[in-house]
Amino acid sequence: MRLFGDPATSAAPPTAAERIRSVLAAAHSMTVITDGLRSEVRHLDGGDPMGRLHLHPSEPGGHAEHRPAIRLEFTDVAPTPVRDRVRARVTVLGRLLTPYSDLSAESGAESTCMEFERAELETAEGIAYVGLEELDEAGPDPLAAYEAGMLTHLLDDHHDLVTLLLRLVQPQPTATVVRALPLAMDRYGITLRLEERRGHRDVRLAFPSPLDDVEQSGAQIQALFSAARRRSHRNTLPA
């Protein structure tokens, strides 16, 4: 039973489209494959490459076979030193409508137009395919650009609070858990990675309500800590 004011321990994750937009918004580099050439684009500086890459609906026919295919690859890596740090891989596939331009923030080149075929999100749960309409309707998570700094700050300066959050995990972790680290944070909650002697598992802790802005994150995180302290206090009361 969930007690009033306590967070759920199975917060619904972001949709695949939201996750893709968030990975793109926080990306600092990507791999571009076109005309059989593979190049690394760095220094995106956390700027969503979709701002310089215009995606257009796929047109039936239209001599698509004469347009160079392009593949954009992004890797979402956890900012904390967890096991298996790759959280997701995102691939955007399509064909070029205009000559490819360097999409890095340092480049002054004009934007590139791309006929969109599909976007793919690969996680430990499998591969999800997202269409252009769904991708356009989704927005990046409001914490996407700040998540890395928030998680490293929590781990480096407040590791005792990470341990406190374990009180919210149900069923309670056993002695097989040798380390707990913050893995991810989004508008819906915090994900902890529980590393065991063999393997690991992830647990999501829901915020009281989804965030609309990064400025709301402090109060929501404190609400989780408060709920964990209440749970700890109840566990120490005499029967």
Protein backbone atom coordinates (compact mmCIF):
# COMPACT_ATOMS: atom_id res chain seq x y z
CA MET A 1 0.00 0.00 0.00
CA ARG A 2 1.26 3.48 -0.86
CA LEU A 3 0.97 5.85 2.10
CA PHE A 4 -0.09 9.46 1.59
CA GLY A 5 2.85 11.62 0.60
CA ASP A 6 5.07 8.67 -0.29
CA PRO A 7 6.44 8.42 -3.84
CA ALA A 8 5.73 5.48 -6.08
CA THR A 9 8.71 3.21 -6.65
CA SER A 10 7.78 2.48 -10.27
CA ALA A 11 7.44 5.88 -11.89
CA ALA A 12 6.37 5.72 -15.52
CA PRO A 13 9.40 6.41 -17.73
CA PRO A 14 9.42 9.05 -20.47
CA THR A 15 8.07 7.97 -23.84
CA ALA A 16 10.51 6.87 -26.52
CA ALA A 17 9.97 10.16 -28.39
CA GLU A 18 10.62 12.19 -25.23
CA ARG A 19 13.73 10.17 -24.52
CA ILE A 20 15.06 10.73 -28.02
CA ARG A 21 14.46 14.48 -27.86
CA SER A 22 16.18 14.62 -24.47
CA VAL A 23 19.23 12.71 -25.71
CA LEU A 24 19.49 15.09 -28.68
CA ALA A 25 19.06 18.17 -26.48
CA ALA A 26 21.91 17.12 -24.17
CA ALA A 27 24.24 15.76 -26.87
CA HIS A 28 27.79 17.06 -27.03
CA SER A 29 28.85 14.91 -29.96
CA MET A 30 27.48 12.61 -32.63
CA THR A 31 28.59 10.36 -35.45
CA VAL A 32 27.49 11.18 -39.00
CA ILE A 33 27.57 8.53 -41.73
CA THR A 34 26.84 9.63 -45.31
CA ASP A 35 28.24 8.81 -48.74
CA GLY A 36 30.04 5.89 -47.11
CA LEU A 37 32.05 8.27 -44.92
CA ARG A 38 31.98 8.29 -41.15
CA SER A 39 32.78 11.48 -39.26
CA GLU A 40 32.66 12.57 -35.64
CA VAL A 41 31.01 15.91 -34.87
CA ARG A 42 32.00 17.32 -31.51
CA HIS A 43 31.48 20.56 -29.64
CA LEU A 44 27.70 20.52 -29.97
CA ASP A 45 27.83 22.18 -26.54
CA GLY A 46 24.54 20.67 -25.46
CA GLY A 47 22.71 22.49 -28.24
CA ASP A 48 20.00 20.35 -29.80
CA PRO A 49 21.28 19.50 -33.32
CA MET A 50 17.66 19.57 -34.47
CA GLY A 51 18.05 23.35 -34.41
CA ARG A 52 20.43 23.07 -37.38
CA LEU A 53 18.93 19.97 -38.95
CA HIS A 54 15.53 20.39 -40.60
CA LEU A 55 13.57 17.15 -40.80
CA HIS A 56 11.06 16.78 -43.62
CA PRO A 57 8.42 14.09 -44.10
CA SER A 58 9.34 11.24 -46.39
CA GLU A 59 7.83 11.74 -49.86
CA PRO A 60 6.62 8.71 -51.83
CA GLY A 61 8.72 8.41 -54.96
CA GLY A 62 10.47 11.73 -55.38
CA HIS A 63 13.65 10.07 -56.63
CA ALA A 64 14.67 9.28 -53.07
CA GLU A 65 17.12 6.69 -54.35
CA HIS A 66 19.21 9.50 -55.83
CA ARG A 67 19.54 11.33 -52.52
CA PRO A 68 22.47 10.42 -50.29
CA ALA A 69 21.49 8.40 -47.25
CA ILE A 70 22.47 9.89 -43.89
CA ARG A 71 22.68 8.27 -40.48
CA LEU A 72 23.12 10.23 -37.25
CA GLU A 73 24.21 8.31 -34.15
CA PHE A 74 24.10 9.55 -30.56
CA THR A 75 25.17 7.75 -27.37
CA ASP A 76 23.61 8.61 -24.01
CA VAL A 77 26.21 7.94 -21.31
CA ALA A 78 25.46 8.13 -17.58
CA PRO A 79 27.39 10.99 -15.92
CA THR A 80 27.99 8.88 -12.80
CA PRO A 81 30.44 5.93 -12.59
CA VAL A 82 27.84 3.16 -12.71
CA ARG A 83 28.39 -0.23 -14.29
CA ASP A 84 27.41 -0.27 -17.96
CA ARG A 85 27.33 3.51 -18.40
CA VAL A 86 25.62 3.53 -21.80
CA ARG A 87 21.98 4.28 -21.02
CA ALA A 88 20.71 4.54 -24.58
CA ARG A 89 21.67 4.85 -28.22
CA VAL A 90 19.73 7.05 -30.62
CA THR A 91 19.86 6.77 -34.41
CA VAL A 92 18.19 9.15 -36.87
CA LEU A 93 17.93 7.85 -40.43
CA GLY A 94 17.02 9.65 -43.63
CA ARG A 95 18.21 11.11 -46.90
CA LEU A 96 19.84 14.45 -47.61
CA LEU A 97 17.80 17.11 -49.42
CA THR A 98 20.64 19.64 -49.28
CA PRO A 99 24.42 19.13 -49.05
CA TYR A 100 25.53 18.02 -45.61
CA SER A 101 26.80 20.81 -43.36
CA ASP A 102 28.84 20.46 -40.19
CA LEU A 103 26.25 20.63 -37.40
CA SER A 104 28.66 21.55 -34.62
CA ALA A 105 28.12 24.76 -32.69
CA GLU A 106 31.44 26.08 -33.96
CA SER A 107 30.44 25.71 -37.57
CA GLY A 108 28.97 28.69 -39.36
CA ALA A 109 27.60 26.52 -42.13
CA GLU A 110 23.98 26.72 -43.12
CA SER A 111 21.54 24.14 -41.79
CA THR A 112 21.01 20.79 -43.46
CA CYS A 113 17.64 19.54 -44.76
CA MET A 114 16.96 15.85 -44.29
CA GLU A 115 14.12 13.66 -45.49
CA PHE A 116 13.25 11.75 -42.33
CA GLU A 117 12.80 7.99 -42.42
CA ARG A 118 12.76 7.01 -38.76
CA ALA A 119 14.38 7.48 -35.37
CA GLU A 120 15.46 4.55 -33.21
CA LEU A 121 15.92 4.38 -29.45
CA GLU A 122 17.93 1.42 -28.21
CA THR A 123 17.92 0.70 -24.47
CA ALA A 124 18.28 -2.35 -22.25
CA GLU A 125 14.55 -2.96 -22.83
CA GLY A 126 14.94 -3.21 -26.62
CA ILE A 127 14.56 -0.95 -29.66
CA ALA A 128 11.71 1.53 -30.16
CA TYR A 129 10.95 3.17 -33.50
CA VAL A 130 9.58 6.72 -33.61
CA GLY A 131 8.03 8.58 -36.53
CA LEU A 132 8.41 12.25 -37.41
CA GLU A 133 4.99 13.36 -36.16
CA GLU A 134 5.54 11.76 -32.77
CA LEU A 135 9.05 13.23 -32.57
CA ASP A 136 7.76 16.72 -33.44
CA GLU A 137 5.05 16.53 -30.78
CA ALA A 138 7.47 15.47 -28.05
CA GLY A 139 9.72 17.96 -26.33
CA PRO A 140 13.03 17.43 -24.53
CA ASP A 141 12.81 16.86 -20.82
CA PRO A 142 13.15 20.16 -18.88
CA LEU A 143 16.04 18.62 -16.93
CA ALA A 144 17.91 17.24 -19.95
CA ALA A 145 20.51 20.00 -20.13
CA TYR A 146 21.03 20.03 -16.34
CA GLU A 147 20.79 16.35 -15.47
CA ALA A 148 24.52 15.55 -15.60
CA GLY A 149 25.45 18.35 -13.21
CA MET A 150 22.58 17.54 -10.85
CA LEU A 151 23.46 13.84 -10.65
CA THR A 152 27.19 14.38 -10.14
CA HIS A 153 26.46 17.00 -7.46
CA LEU A 154 24.13 14.59 -5.67
CA LEU A 155 26.72 11.82 -5.77
CA ASP A 156 29.82 13.86 -4.95
CA ASP A 157 28.41 16.18 -2.29
CA HIS A 158 25.38 14.35 -0.89
CA HIS A 159 26.05 10.64 -1.17
CA ASP A 160 24.40 10.12 2.22
CA LEU A 161 21.14 11.28 0.64
CA VAL A 162 21.48 8.66 -2.10
CA THR A 163 21.69 6.06 0.65
CA LEU A 164 18.66 7.65 2.29
CA LEU A 165 16.64 7.22 -0.91
CA LEU A 166 17.08 3.46 -0.61
CA ARG A 167 14.43 3.60 2.13
CA LEU A 168 11.89 4.24 -0.63
CA VAL A 169 12.80 1.13 -2.59
CA GLN A 170 10.28 -1.67 -2.23
CA PRO A 171 11.03 -4.41 -1.52
CA GLN A 172 13.96 -3.20 0.51
CA PRO A 173 17.39 -3.95 -0.99
CA THR A 174 19.15 -6.97 0.49
CA ALA A 175 22.78 -7.53 1.41
CA THR A 176 23.47 -8.50 -2.21
CA VAL A 177 23.46 -4.78 -3.11
CA VAL A 178 27.03 -3.55 -2.82
CA ARG A 179 26.55 -0.03 -4.19
CA ALA A 180 23.74 2.36 -5.10
CA LEU A 181 24.28 5.28 -7.47
CA PRO A 182 22.00 7.83 -9.15
CA LEU A 183 21.67 6.79 -12.78
CA ALA A 184 19.17 9.22 -14.29
CA MET A 185 16.83 12.09 -13.51
CA ASP A 186 13.93 13.36 -15.58
CA ARG A 187 10.71 15.29 -15.08
CA TYR A 188 9.04 12.19 -13.64
CA GLY A 189 11.58 11.15 -11.01
CA ILE A 190 15.00 9.74 -10.16
CA THR A 191 16.42 6.38 -11.21
CA LEU A 192 18.87 4.58 -8.94
CA ARG A 193 21.13 1.77 -10.11
CA LEU A 194 21.52 -0.92 -7.48
CA GLU A 195 24.72 -2.79 -8.19
CA GLU A 196 24.75 -6.31 -6.80
CA ARG A 197 27.54 -8.83 -6.53
CA ARG A 198 26.32 -10.23 -9.80
CA GLY A 199 24.59 -7.83 -12.15
CA HIS A 200 22.50 -4.80 -11.29
CA ARG A 201 18.93 -3.51 -11.38
CA ASP A 202 17.40 -0.07 -11.79
CA VAL A 203 14.68 1.44 -9.59
CA ARG A 204 12.65 4.54 -10.44
CA LEU A 205 11.39 6.83 -7.67
CA ALA A 206 8.59 9.15 -8.75
CA PHE A 207 8.39 12.83 -7.91
CA PRO A 208 5.09 13.88 -6.29
CA SER A 209 4.16 15.40 -9.68
CA PRO A 210 5.96 15.75 -13.04
CA LEU A 211 8.11 18.83 -13.48
CA ASP A 212 7.35 21.53 -16.01
CA ASP A 213 10.51 23.53 -15.38
CA VAL A 214 13.97 22.93 -13.93
CA GLU A 215 13.21 25.51 -11.22
CA GLN A 216 10.71 23.04 -9.71
CA SER A 217 13.34 20.32 -9.29
CA GLY A 218 14.64 21.43 -5.88
CA ALA A 219 11.28 21.14 -4.16
CA GLN A 220 10.51 17.80 -5.79
CA ILE A 221 13.87 16.29 -4.84
CA GLN A 222 13.46 17.52 -1.27
CA ALA A 223 10.03 15.88 -1.21
CA LEU A 224 11.70 12.54 -1.97
CA PHE A 225 14.21 13.04 0.82
CA SER A 226 11.43 13.95 3.25
CA ALA A 227 9.45 10.85 2.30
CA ALA A 228 12.55 8.72 2.83
CA ARG A 229 13.08 10.21 6.29
CA ARG A 230 9.45 9.50 7.20
CA ARG A 231 9.82 5.93 6.03
CA SER A 232 13.00 5.59 8.10
CA HIS A 233 11.26 7.01 11.16
CA ARG A 234 8.30 4.63 10.82
CA ASN A 235 10.66 1.68 10.56
CA THR A 236 12.27 2.58 13.89
CA LEU A 237 9.01 3.02 15.85
CA PRO A 238 8.24 0.26 18.39
CA ALA A 239 5.54 -2.17 17.35
